[in-house]
PDB file of all heavy atoms in Angstrom:
ATOM      1  N   ALA A   1       0.838  -1.206   0.000  1.00  0.00           N
ATOM      2  CA  ALA A   1       0.000   0.000   0.000  1.00  0.00           C
ATOM      3  C   ALA A   1       0.875   1.259   0.000  1.00  0.00           C
ATOM      4  O   ALA A   1       0.570   2.231  -0.687  1.00  0.00           O
ATOM      5  CB  ALA A   1      -0.932  -0.007   1.206  1.00  0.00           C
ATOM      6  N   PHE A   2       1.961   1.227   0.753  1.00  0.00           N
ATOM      7  CA  PHE A   2       2.854   2.385   0.817  1.00  0.00           C
ATOM      8  C   PHE A   2       3.416   2.721  -0.563  1.00  0.00           C
ATOM      9  O   PHE A   2       3.351   3.872  -1.000  1.00  0.00           O
ATOM     10  CB  PHE A   2       4.020   2.141   1.791  1.00  0.00           C
ATOM     11  CG  PHE A   2       5.124   3.137   1.628  1.00  0.00           C
ATOM     12  CD1 PHE A   2       5.026   4.407   2.183  1.00  0.00           C
ATOM     13  CD2 PHE A   2       6.264   2.828   0.896  1.00  0.00           C
ATOM     14  CE1 PHE A   2       6.025   5.354   1.992  1.00  0.00           C
ATOM     15  CE2 PHE A   2       7.271   3.762   0.695  1.00  0.00           C
ATOM     16  CZ  PHE A   2       7.150   5.028   1.257  1.00  0.00           C
ATOM     17  N   ILE A   3       3.982   1.745  -1.233  1.00  0.00           N
ATOM     18  CA  ILE A   3       4.708   2.015  -2.481  1.00  0.00           C
ATOM     19  C   ILE A   3       3.759   2.449  -3.613  1.00  0.00           C
ATOM     20  O   ILE A   3       4.218   3.038  -4.601  1.00  0.00           O
ATOM     21  CB  ILE A   3       5.604   0.821  -2.900  1.00  0.00           C
ATOM     22  CG1 ILE A   3       6.724   1.275  -3.831  1.00  0.00           C
ATOM     23  CG2 ILE A   3       4.782  -0.313  -3.486  1.00  0.00           C
ATOM     24  CD1 ILE A   3       7.693   2.261  -3.241  1.00  0.00           C
ATOM     25  N   GLN A   4       2.480   2.245  -3.450  1.00  0.00           N
ATOM     26  CA  GLN A   4       1.507   2.674  -4.459  1.00  0.00           C
ATOM     27  C   GLN A   4       1.154   4.158  -4.336  1.00  0.00           C
ATOM     28  O   GLN A   4       0.544   4.722  -5.247  1.00  0.00           O
ATOM     29  CB  GLN A   4       0.227   1.835  -4.351  1.00  0.00           C
ATOM     30  CG  GLN A   4       0.441   0.359  -4.633  1.00  0.00           C
ATOM     31  CD  GLN A   4       1.088   0.087  -5.982  1.00  0.00           C
ATOM     32  OE1 GLN A   4       0.722   0.679  -6.988  1.00  0.00           O
ATOM     33  NE2 GLN A   4       2.062  -0.811  -5.995  1.00  0.00           N
ATOM     34  N   GLN A   5       1.535   4.797  -3.255  1.00  0.00           N
ATOM     35  CA  GLN A   5       1.213   6.213  -3.044  1.00  0.00           C
ATOM     36  C   GLN A   5       2.028   7.112  -3.968  1.00  0.00           C
ATOM     37  O   GLN A   5       3.184   6.795  -4.280  1.00  0.00           O
ATOM     38  CB  GLN A   5       1.546   6.627  -1.609  1.00  0.00           C
ATOM     39  CG  GLN A   5       0.758   5.944  -0.539  1.00  0.00           C
ATOM     40  CD  GLN A   5       1.224   6.416   0.818  1.00  0.00           C
ATOM     41  OE1 GLN A   5       0.785   7.450   1.293  1.00  0.00           O
ATOM     42  NE2 GLN A   5       2.129   5.662   1.417  1.00  0.00           N
ATOM     43  N   PRO A   6       1.456   8.249  -4.354  1.00  0.00           N
ATOM     44  CA  PRO A   6       2.266   9.230  -5.082  1.00  0.00           C
ATOM     45  C   PRO A   6       3.462   9.653  -4.225  1.00  0.00           C
ATOM     46  O   PRO A   6       3.335   9.802  -3.008  1.00  0.00           O
ATOM     47  CB  PRO A   6       1.300  10.406  -5.285  1.00  0.00           C
ATOM     48  CG  PRO A   6      -0.070   9.813  -5.148  1.00  0.00           C
ATOM     49  CD  PRO A   6       0.067   8.670  -4.181  1.00  0.00           C
ATOM     50  N   TYR A   7       4.601   9.796  -4.837  1.00  0.00           N
ATOM     51  CA  TYR A   7       5.854  10.237  -4.227  1.00  0.00           C
ATOM     52  C   TYR A   7       6.522   9.186  -3.331  1.00  0.00           C
ATOM     53  O   TYR A   7       7.551   9.468  -2.726  1.00  0.00           O
ATOM     54  CB  TYR A   7       5.684  11.551  -3.452  1.00  0.00           C
ATOM     55  CG  TYR A   7       5.146  12.657  -4.319  1.00  0.00           C
ATOM     56  CD1 TYR A   7       3.815  13.047  -4.224  1.00  0.00           C
ATOM     57  CD2 TYR A   7       5.949  13.284  -5.255  1.00  0.00           C
ATOM     58  CE1 TYR A   7       3.300  14.052  -5.041  1.00  0.00           C
ATOM     59  CE2 TYR A   7       5.452  14.292  -6.076  1.00  0.00           C
ATOM     60  CZ  TYR A   7       4.126  14.665  -5.960  1.00  0.00           C
ATOM     61  OH  TYR A   7       3.634  15.655  -6.759  1.00  0.00           O
ATOM     62  N   ALA A   8       5.977   7.981  -3.256  1.00  0.00           N
ATOM     63  CA  ALA A   8       6.601   6.949  -2.426  1.00  0.00           C
ATOM     64  C   ALA A   8       7.964   6.542  -2.982  1.00  0.00           C
ATOM     65  O   ALA A   8       8.917   6.356  -2.214  1.00  0.00           O
ATOM     66  CB  ALA A   8       5.691   5.730  -2.296  1.00  0.00           C
ATOM     67  N   LYS A   9       8.078   6.407  -4.285  1.00  0.00           N
ATOM     68  CA  LYS A   9       9.367   6.020  -4.873  1.00  0.00           C
ATOM     69  C   LYS A   9      10.424   7.093  -4.619  1.00  0.00           C
ATOM     70  O   LYS A   9      11.578   6.780  -4.326  1.00  0.00           O
ATOM     71  CB  LYS A   9       9.209   5.721  -6.359  1.00  0.00           C
ATOM     72  CG  LYS A   9       8.424   4.433  -6.613  1.00  0.00           C
ATOM     73  CD  LYS A   9       8.249   4.159  -8.087  1.00  0.00           C
ATOM     74  CE  LYS A   9       7.550   2.856  -8.338  1.00  0.00           C
ATOM     75  NZ  LYS A   9       6.146   2.834  -7.995  1.00  0.00           N
ATOM     76  N   GLU A  10      10.029   8.367  -4.692  1.00  0.00           N
ATOM     77  CA  GLU A  10      10.965   9.451  -4.370  1.00  0.00           C
ATOM     78  C   GLU A  10      11.354   9.399  -2.897  1.00  0.00           C
ATOM     79  O   GLU A  10      12.517   9.636  -2.553  1.00  0.00           O
ATOM     80  CB  GLU A  10      10.332  10.813  -4.700  1.00  0.00           C
ATOM     81  CG  GLU A  10      10.127  11.054  -6.178  1.00  0.00           C
ATOM     82  CD  GLU A  10       8.834  10.484  -6.751  1.00  0.00           C
ATOM     83  OE1 GLU A  10       8.140   9.702  -6.063  1.00  0.00           O
ATOM     84  OE2 GLU A  10       8.531  10.807  -7.898  1.00  0.00           O
ATOM     85  N   ALA A  11      10.397   9.045  -2.037  1.00  0.00           N
ATOM     86  CA  ALA A  11      10.699   8.924  -0.607  1.00  0.00           C
ATOM     87  C   ALA A  11      11.684   7.789  -0.339  1.00  0.00           C
ATOM     88  O   ALA A  11      12.560   7.912   0.532  1.00  0.00           O
ATOM     89  CB  ALA A  11       9.408   8.712   0.190  1.00  0.00           C
ATOM     90  N   VAL A  12      11.568   6.703  -1.075  1.00  0.00           N
ATOM     91  CA  VAL A  12      12.512   5.583  -0.923  1.00  0.00           C
ATOM     92  C   VAL A  12      13.909   6.023  -1.361  1.00  0.00           C
ATOM     93  O   VAL A  12      14.905   5.727  -0.683  1.00  0.00           O
ATOM     94  CB  VAL A  12      12.030   4.343  -1.708  1.00  0.00           C
ATOM     95  CG1 VAL A  12      13.113   3.281  -1.782  1.00  0.00           C
ATOM     96  CG2 VAL A  12      10.760   3.779  -1.064  1.00  0.00           C
ATOM     97  N   THR A  13      13.995   6.741  -2.462  1.00  0.00           N
ATOM     98  CA  THR A  13      15.288   7.268  -2.905  1.00  0.00           C
ATOM     99  C   THR A  13      15.874   8.193  -1.850  1.00  0.00           C
ATOM    100  O   THR A  13      17.050   8.077  -1.485  1.00  0.00           O
ATOM    101  CB  THR A  13      15.125   8.014  -4.246  1.00  0.00           C
ATOM    102  OG1 THR A  13      14.649   7.086  -5.227  1.00  0.00           O
ATOM    103  CG2 THR A  13      16.434   8.617  -4.714  1.00  0.00           C
ATOM    104  N   LEU A  14      15.053   9.095  -1.341  1.00  0.00           N
ATOM    105  CA  LEU A  14      15.480  10.005  -0.276  1.00  0.00           C
ATOM    106  C   LEU A  14      15.936   9.223   0.950  1.00  0.00           C
ATOM    107  O   LEU A  14      16.969   9.537   1.555  1.00  0.00           O
ATOM    108  CB  LEU A  14      14.330  10.950   0.087  1.00  0.00           C
ATOM    109  CG  LEU A  14      14.485  11.813   1.331  1.00  0.00           C
ATOM    110  CD1 LEU A  14      15.726  12.675   1.281  1.00  0.00           C
ATOM    111  CD2 LEU A  14      13.238  12.669   1.526  1.00  0.00           C
ATOM    112  N   ARG A  15      15.199   8.188   1.301  1.00  0.00           N
ATOM    113  CA  ARG A  15      15.543   7.378   2.477  1.00  0.00           C
ATOM    114  C   ARG A  15      16.921   6.740   2.327  1.00  0.00           C
ATOM    115  O   ARG A  15      17.703   6.698   3.278  1.00  0.00           O
ATOM    116  CB  ARG A  15      14.499   6.280   2.663  1.00  0.00           C
ATOM    117  CG  ARG A  15      14.732   5.412   3.859  1.00  0.00           C
ATOM    118  CD  ARG A  15      14.318   6.140   5.091  1.00  0.00           C
ATOM    119  NE  ARG A  15      15.385   6.134   6.062  1.00  0.00           N
ATOM    120  CZ  ARG A  15      15.330   6.796   7.200  1.00  0.00           C
ATOM    121  NH1 ARG A  15      14.293   7.524   7.507  1.00  0.00           N
ATOM    122  NH2 ARG A  15      16.329   6.747   8.039  1.00  0.00           N
ATOM    123  N   ARG A  16      17.225   6.248   1.146  1.00  0.00           N
ATOM    124  CA  ARG A  16      18.534   5.619   0.937  1.00  0.00           C
ATOM    125  C   ARG A  16      19.648   6.650   1.081  1.00  0.00           C
ATOM    126  O   ARG A  16      20.696   6.362   1.658  1.00  0.00           O
ATOM    127  CB  ARG A  16      18.579   4.922  -0.407  1.00  0.00           C
ATOM    128  CG  ARG A  16      17.652   3.688  -0.428  1.00  0.00           C
ATOM    129  CD  ARG A  16      18.078   2.696  -1.471  1.00  0.00           C
ATOM    130  NE  ARG A  16      17.213   1.554  -1.545  1.00  0.00           N
ATOM    131  CZ  ARG A  16      17.379   0.426  -0.860  1.00  0.00           C
ATOM    132  NH1 ARG A  16      18.368   0.310  -0.011  1.00  0.00           N
ATOM    133  NH2 ARG A  16      16.551  -0.594  -1.036  1.00  0.00           N
ATOM    134  N   TRP A  17      19.453   7.872   0.560  1.00  0.00           N
ATOM    135  CA  TRP A  17      20.440   8.933   0.771  1.00  0.00           C
ATOM    136  C   TRP A  17      20.536   9.273   2.250  1.00  0.00           C
ATOM    137  O   TRP A  17      21.640   9.461   2.777  1.00  0.00           O
ATOM    138  CB  TRP A  17      20.072  10.187  -0.013  1.00  0.00           C
ATOM    139  CG  TRP A  17      20.105  10.053  -1.498  1.00  0.00           C
ATOM    140  CD1 TRP A  17      20.931   9.240  -2.246  1.00  0.00           C
ATOM    141  CD2 TRP A  17      19.287  10.748  -2.428  1.00  0.00           C
ATOM    142  NE1 TRP A  17      20.661   9.407  -3.584  1.00  0.00           N
ATOM    143  CE2 TRP A  17      19.656  10.332  -3.728  1.00  0.00           C
ATOM    144  CE3 TRP A  17      18.264  11.691  -2.295  1.00  0.00           C
ATOM    145  CZ2 TRP A  17      19.061  10.827  -4.872  1.00  0.00           C
ATOM    146  CZ3 TRP A  17      17.660  12.193  -3.436  1.00  0.00           C
ATOM    147  CH2 TRP A  17      18.060  11.761  -4.711  1.00  0.00           C
ATOM    148  N   ASP A  18      19.397   9.339   2.914  1.00  0.00           N
ATOM    149  CA  ASP A  18      19.339   9.636   4.348  1.00  0.00           C
ATOM    150  C   ASP A  18      20.231   8.669   5.126  1.00  0.00           C
ATOM    151  O   ASP A  18      21.011   9.083   5.993  1.00  0.00           O
ATOM    152  CB  ASP A  18      17.878   9.526   4.793  1.00  0.00           C
ATOM    153  CG  ASP A  18      17.615   9.875   6.249  1.00  0.00           C
ATOM    154  OD1 ASP A  18      18.550  10.220   6.993  1.00  0.00           O
ATOM    155  OD2 ASP A  18      16.442   9.792   6.648  1.00  0.00           O
ATOM    156  N   ASP A  19      20.134   7.405   4.819  1.00  0.00           N
ATOM    157  CA  ASP A  19      20.910   6.394   5.539  1.00  0.00           C
ATOM    158  C   ASP A  19      22.408   6.508   5.285  1.00  0.00           C
ATOM    159  O   ASP A  19      23.212   6.146   6.143  1.00  0.00           O
ATOM    160  CB  ASP A  19      20.433   4.987   5.153  1.00  0.00           C
ATOM    161  CG  ASP A  19      19.005   4.733   5.605  1.00  0.00           C
ATOM    162  OD1 ASP A  19      18.613   5.225   6.676  1.00  0.00           O
ATOM    163  OD2 ASP A  19      18.271   4.057   4.857  1.00  0.00           O
ATOM    164  N   LEU A  20      22.792   7.001   4.117  1.00  0.00           N
ATOM    165  CA  LEU A  20      24.209   7.145   3.769  1.00  0.00           C
ATOM    166  C   LEU A  20      24.812   8.456   4.265  1.00  0.00           C
ATOM    167  O   LEU A  20      26.037   8.611   4.260  1.00  0.00           O
ATOM    168  CB  LEU A  20      24.383   7.067   2.244  1.00  0.00           C
ATOM    169  CG  LEU A  20      24.005   5.744   1.586  1.00  0.00           C
ATOM    170  CD1 LEU A  20      24.036   5.887   0.068  1.00  0.00           C
ATOM    171  CD2 LEU A  20      24.942   4.633   2.055  1.00  0.00           C
ATOM    172  N   ALA A  21      23.979   9.379   4.705  1.00  0.00           N
ATOM    173  CA  ALA A  21      24.410  10.746   5.023  1.00  0.00           C
ATOM    174  C   ALA A  21      24.735  10.923   6.500  1.00  0.00           C
ATOM    175  O   ALA A  21      24.220  11.826   7.157  1.00  0.00           O
ATOM    176  CB  ALA A  21      23.329  11.726   4.578  1.00  0.00           C
ATOM    177  N   LYS A  22      25.599  10.065   7.016  1.00  0.00           N
ATOM    178  CA  LYS A  22      25.937  10.097   8.440  1.00  0.00           C
ATOM    179  C   LYS A  22      27.431   9.872   8.649  1.00  0.00           C
ATOM    180  O   LYS A  22      27.861   9.253   9.612  1.00  0.00           O
ATOM    181  CB  LYS A  22      25.131   9.031   9.187  1.00  0.00           C
ATOM    182  CG  LYS A  22      23.628   9.245   9.068  1.00  0.00           C
ATOM    183  CD  LYS A  22      22.827   8.111   9.663  1.00  0.00           C
ATOM    184  CE  LYS A  22      21.347   8.351   9.429  1.00  0.00           C
ATOM    185  NZ  LYS A  22      20.511   7.280   9.945  1.00  0.00           N
ATOM    186  N   VAL A  23      28.239  10.407   7.729  1.00  0.00           N
ATOM    187  CA  VAL A  23      29.678  10.157   7.731  1.00  0.00           C
ATOM    188  C   VAL A  23      30.397  11.347   8.374  1.00  0.00           C
ATOM    189  O   VAL A  23      30.317  12.472   7.860  1.00  0.00           O
ATOM    190  CB  VAL A  23      30.201   9.941   6.294  1.00  0.00           C
ATOM    191  CG1 VAL A  23      31.699   9.686   6.297  1.00  0.00           C
ATOM    192  CG2 VAL A  23      29.443   8.811   5.613  1.00  0.00           C
ATOM    193  N   PRO A  24      31.093  11.129   9.491  1.00  0.00           N
ATOM    194  CA  PRO A  24      31.799  12.247  10.136  1.00  0.00           C
ATOM    195  C   PRO A  24      32.824  12.885   9.192  1.00  0.00           C
ATOM    196  O   PRO A  24      33.521  12.197   8.459  1.00  0.00           O
ATOM    197  CB  PRO A  24      32.507  11.586  11.323  1.00  0.00           C
ATOM    198  CG  PRO A  24      31.787  10.300  11.544  1.00  0.00           C
ATOM    199  CD  PRO A  24      31.253   9.876  10.205  1.00  0.00           C
ATOM    200  N   ASP A  25      32.851  14.196   9.194  1.00  0.00           N
ATOM    201  CA  ASP A  25      33.852  14.997   8.467  1.00  0.00           C
ATOM    202  C   ASP A  25      33.840  14.797   6.952  1.00  0.00           C
ATOM    203  O   ASP A  25      34.840  15.077   6.292  1.00  0.00           O
ATOM    204  CB  ASP A  25      35.261  14.723   9.019  1.00  0.00           C
ATOM    205  CG  ASP A  25      35.356  15.017  10.508  1.00  0.00           C
ATOM    206  OD1 ASP A  25      34.832  16.067  10.936  1.00  0.00           O
ATOM    207  OD2 ASP A  25      35.930  14.190  11.234  1.00  0.00           O
ATOM    208  N   LEU A  26      32.743  14.336   6.395  1.00  0.00           N
ATOM    209  CA  LEU A  26      32.654  14.178   4.940  1.00  0.00           C
ATOM    210  C   LEU A  26      32.523  15.556   4.301  1.00  0.00           C
ATOM    211  O   LEU A  26      31.622  16.314   4.647  1.00  0.00           O
ATOM    212  CB  LEU A  26      31.451  13.312   4.570  1.00  0.00           C
ATOM    213  CG  LEU A  26      31.289  13.004   3.085  1.00  0.00           C
ATOM    214  CD1 LEU A  26      32.397  12.048   2.621  1.00  0.00           C
ATOM    215  CD2 LEU A  26      29.924  12.397   2.815  1.00  0.00           C
ATOM    216  N   PRO A  27      33.413  15.894   3.368  1.00  0.00           N
ATOM    217  CA  PRO A  27      33.297  17.201   2.716  1.00  0.00           C
ATOM    218  C   PRO A  27      32.027  17.288   1.862  1.00  0.00           C
ATOM    219  O   PRO A  27      31.663  16.334   1.164  1.00  0.00           O
ATOM    220  CB  PRO A  27      34.536  17.277   1.824  1.00  0.00           C
ATOM    221  CG  PRO A  27      35.447  16.207   2.296  1.00  0.00           C
ATOM    222  CD  PRO A  27      34.596  15.151   2.928  1.00  0.00           C
ATOM    223  N   THR A  28      31.360  18.418   1.947  1.00  0.00           N
ATOM    224  CA  THR A  28      30.181  18.713   1.130  1.00  0.00           C
ATOM    225  C   THR A  28      30.273  20.165   0.675  1.00  0.00           C
ATOM    226  O   THR A  28      31.028  20.950   1.264  1.00  0.00           O
ATOM    227  CB  THR A  28      28.869  18.557   1.929  1.00  0.00           C
ATOM    228  OG1 THR A  28      28.856  19.523   2.985  1.00  0.00           O
ATOM    229  CG2 THR A  28      28.696  17.159   2.485  1.00  0.00           C
ATOM    230  N   PRO A  29      29.506  20.542  -0.322  1.00  0.00           N
ATOM    231  CA  PRO A  29      29.403  21.969  -0.629  1.00  0.00           C
ATOM    232  C   PRO A  29      28.817  22.692   0.590  1.00  0.00           C
ATOM    233  O   PRO A  29      28.070  22.089   1.366  1.00  0.00           O
ATOM    234  CB  PRO A  29      28.438  22.020  -1.812  1.00  0.00           C
ATOM    235  CG  PRO A  29      28.469  20.651  -2.411  1.00  0.00           C
ATOM    236  CD  PRO A  29      28.733  19.722  -1.267  1.00  0.00           C
ATOM    237  N   PRO A  30      29.116  23.964   0.741  1.00  0.00           N
ATOM    238  CA  PRO A  30      28.543  24.710   1.869  1.00  0.00           C
ATOM    239  C   PRO A  30      27.040  24.925   1.683  1.00  0.00           C
ATOM    240  O   PRO A  30      26.519  24.848   0.559  1.00  0.00           O
ATOM    241  CB  PRO A  30      29.297  26.038   1.845  1.00  0.00           C
ATOM    242  CG  PRO A  30      29.779  26.187   0.445  1.00  0.00           C
ATOM    243  CD  PRO A  30      30.001  24.794  -0.078  1.00  0.00           C
ATOM    244  N   LEU A  31      26.366  25.217   2.770  1.00  0.00           N
ATOM    245  CA  LEU A  31      24.927  25.438   2.739  1.00  0.00           C
ATOM    246  C   LEU A  31      24.544  26.498   1.708  1.00  0.00           C
ATOM    247  O   LEU A  31      23.551  26.335   0.988  1.00  0.00           O
ATOM    248  CB  LEU A  31      24.437  25.846   4.133  1.00  0.00           C
ATOM    249  CG  LEU A  31      22.959  26.172   4.269  1.00  0.00           C
ATOM    250  CD1 LEU A  31      22.096  24.974   3.879  1.00  0.00           C
ATOM    251  CD2 LEU A  31      22.659  26.608   5.702  1.00  0.00           C
ATOM    252  N   ALA A  32      25.310  27.558   1.614  1.00  0.00           N
ATOM    253  CA  ALA A  32      24.997  28.647   0.673  1.00  0.00           C
ATOM    254  C   ALA A  32      24.876  28.150  -0.767  1.00  0.00           C
ATOM    255  O   ALA A  32      24.107  28.713  -1.549  1.00  0.00           O
ATOM    256  CB  ALA A  32      26.054  29.744   0.776  1.00  0.00           C
ATOM    257  N   ASP A  33      25.596  27.096  -1.106  1.00  0.00           N
ATOM    258  CA  ASP A  33      25.530  26.551  -2.465  1.00  0.00           C
ATOM    259  C   ASP A  33      24.166  25.948  -2.793  1.00  0.00           C
ATOM    260  O   ASP A  33      23.829  25.772  -3.964  1.00  0.00           O
ATOM    261  CB  ASP A  33      26.610  25.485  -2.680  1.00  0.00           C
ATOM    262  CG  ASP A  33      27.999  26.076  -2.841  1.00  0.00           C
ATOM    263  OD1 ASP A  33      28.169  27.300  -2.635  1.00  0.00           O
ATOM    264  OD2 ASP A  33      28.927  25.310  -3.161  1.00  0.00           O
ATOM    265  N   PHE A  34      23.394  25.635  -1.766  1.00  0.00           N
ATOM    266  CA  PHE A  34      22.083  25.018  -1.986  1.00  0.00           C
ATOM    267  C   PHE A  34      20.946  26.036  -1.983  1.00  0.00           C
ATOM    268  O   PHE A  34      19.806  25.688  -2.299  1.00  0.00           O
ATOM    269  CB  PHE A  34      21.829  23.922  -0.950  1.00  0.00           C
ATOM    270  CG  PHE A  34      22.692  22.715  -1.165  1.00  0.00           C
ATOM    271  CD1 PHE A  34      23.870  22.556  -0.461  1.00  0.00           C
ATOM    272  CD2 PHE A  34      22.342  21.751  -2.099  1.00  0.00           C
ATOM    273  CE1 PHE A  34      24.686  21.453  -0.675  1.00  0.00           C
ATOM    274  CE2 PHE A  34      23.144  20.642  -2.319  1.00  0.00           C
ATOM    275  CZ  PHE A  34      24.321  20.493  -1.608  1.00  0.00           C
ATOM    276  N   GLN A  35      21.232  27.286  -1.642  1.00  0.00           N
ATOM    277  CA  GLN A  35      20.174  28.284  -1.576  1.00  0.00           C
ATOM    278  C   GLN A  35      19.483  28.459  -2.927  1.00  0.00           C
ATOM    279  O   GLN A  35      18.255  28.524  -2.995  1.00  0.00           O
ATOM    280  CB  GLN A  35      20.710  29.623  -1.080  1.00  0.00           C
ATOM    281  CG  GLN A  35      19.599  30.640  -0.910  1.00  0.00           C
ATOM    282  CD  GLN A  35      20.011  31.836  -0.084  1.00  0.00           C
ATOM    283  OE1 GLN A  35      21.104  31.878   0.484  1.00  0.00           O
ATOM    284  NE2 GLN A  35      19.138  32.816   0.003  1.00  0.00           N
TER     285      GLN A  35
END
């Protein structure tokens, strides 16, 4: 039922990034780059 909802596939993609985004001291662009 969940995966049939609109935007569920995008949420799964987001979730996988969420799980990978917990690395101490990993370089990223600064916040201003995302504005």
